[in-house]
Protein backbone atom coordinates (compact mmCIF):
# COMPACT_ATOMS: atom_id res chain seq x y z
CA MET A 1 -14.14 -146.42 -15.27
CA PHE A 2 -15.06 -144.05 -12.66
CA GLU A 3 -13.76 -143.20 -9.47
CA HIS A 4 -16.35 -143.62 -6.29
CA PHE A 5 -15.51 -142.15 -2.80
CA PHE A 6 -17.05 -143.64 -0.10
CA GLN A 7 -15.99 -143.89 3.93
CA CYS A 8 -14.65 -147.02 4.91
CA PRO A 9 -16.62 -148.74 7.56
CA TYR A 10 -13.43 -150.06 9.47
CA CYS A 11 -11.27 -146.89 9.68
CA TRP A 12 -13.89 -144.30 8.74
CA GLU A 13 -11.60 -142.67 6.46
CA GLU A 14 -12.59 -141.22 2.49
CA ILE A 15 -11.39 -143.77 0.65
CA SER A 16 -12.12 -144.09 -3.27
CA MET A 17 -12.31 -147.02 -6.02
CA LEU A 18 -12.36 -147.53 -9.52
CA MET A 19 -15.61 -149.28 -10.60
CA ASP A 20 -16.78 -150.68 -13.99
CA PRO A 21 -20.23 -149.46 -15.37
CA SER A 22 -20.56 -152.25 -17.78
CA VAL A 23 -21.50 -154.86 -15.28
CA PRO A 24 -24.76 -153.92 -14.26
CA LYS A 25 -25.17 -155.58 -10.91
CA GLN A 26 -21.56 -156.47 -9.11
CA THR A 27 -20.41 -157.44 -5.45
CA TYR A 28 -16.11 -158.11 -4.88
CA VAL A 29 -13.74 -157.99 -1.97
CA GLU A 30 -11.49 -154.79 -2.19
CA ASP A 31 -9.15 -153.96 0.87
CA CYS A 32 -9.24 -150.51 2.10
CA GLU A 33 -6.17 -148.54 1.07
CA VAL A 34 -5.69 -146.67 4.37
CA CYS A 35 -6.16 -150.14 7.11
CA CYS A 36 -6.22 -152.41 4.49
CA ASN A 37 -9.39 -154.53 5.92
CA PRO A 38 -11.61 -155.89 3.50
CA ILE A 39 -14.45 -154.46 2.29
CA GLU A 40 -17.54 -156.06 0.10
CA VAL A 41 -18.47 -153.83 -2.25
CA THR A 42 -22.06 -154.12 -3.71
CA ALA A 43 -22.68 -152.04 -6.72
CA GLU A 44 -25.30 -151.25 -9.36
CA PHE A 45 -25.55 -149.47 -12.27
CA GLN A 46 -28.78 -147.97 -14.59
CA ASN A 47 -27.69 -146.97 -17.95
CA ASN A 48 -23.57 -146.72 -17.45
CA GLU A 49 -24.93 -144.42 -13.81
CA LEU A 50 -24.12 -145.58 -10.12
CA VAL A 51 -28.10 -146.19 -8.71
CA GLY A 52 -26.94 -148.30 -5.79
CA PHE A 53 -23.93 -148.64 -3.82
CA VAL A 54 -22.98 -150.56 -0.24
CA ALA A 55 -20.08 -150.60 1.41
CA ARG A 56 -19.67 -153.62 4.39
CA ASN A 57 -17.24 -154.36 6.09
CA MET A 58 -16.56 -157.98 6.48
CA GLU A 59 -16.71 -158.84 10.39
CA ARG A 60 -20.49 -159.93 10.63
């Protein structure tokens, strides 16, 4: 597990999430630790390194 920092797509605050590089491609929903809105996170790992990351708001 490692901590990844990024900007919340709702409140624009810098937040962090713990990510598990043992799953090569993953999509899940986690709430912002500041504003509590749901964020859809998509992450892709290769050789235990983060090679792709997208954080989207759920209001599409």
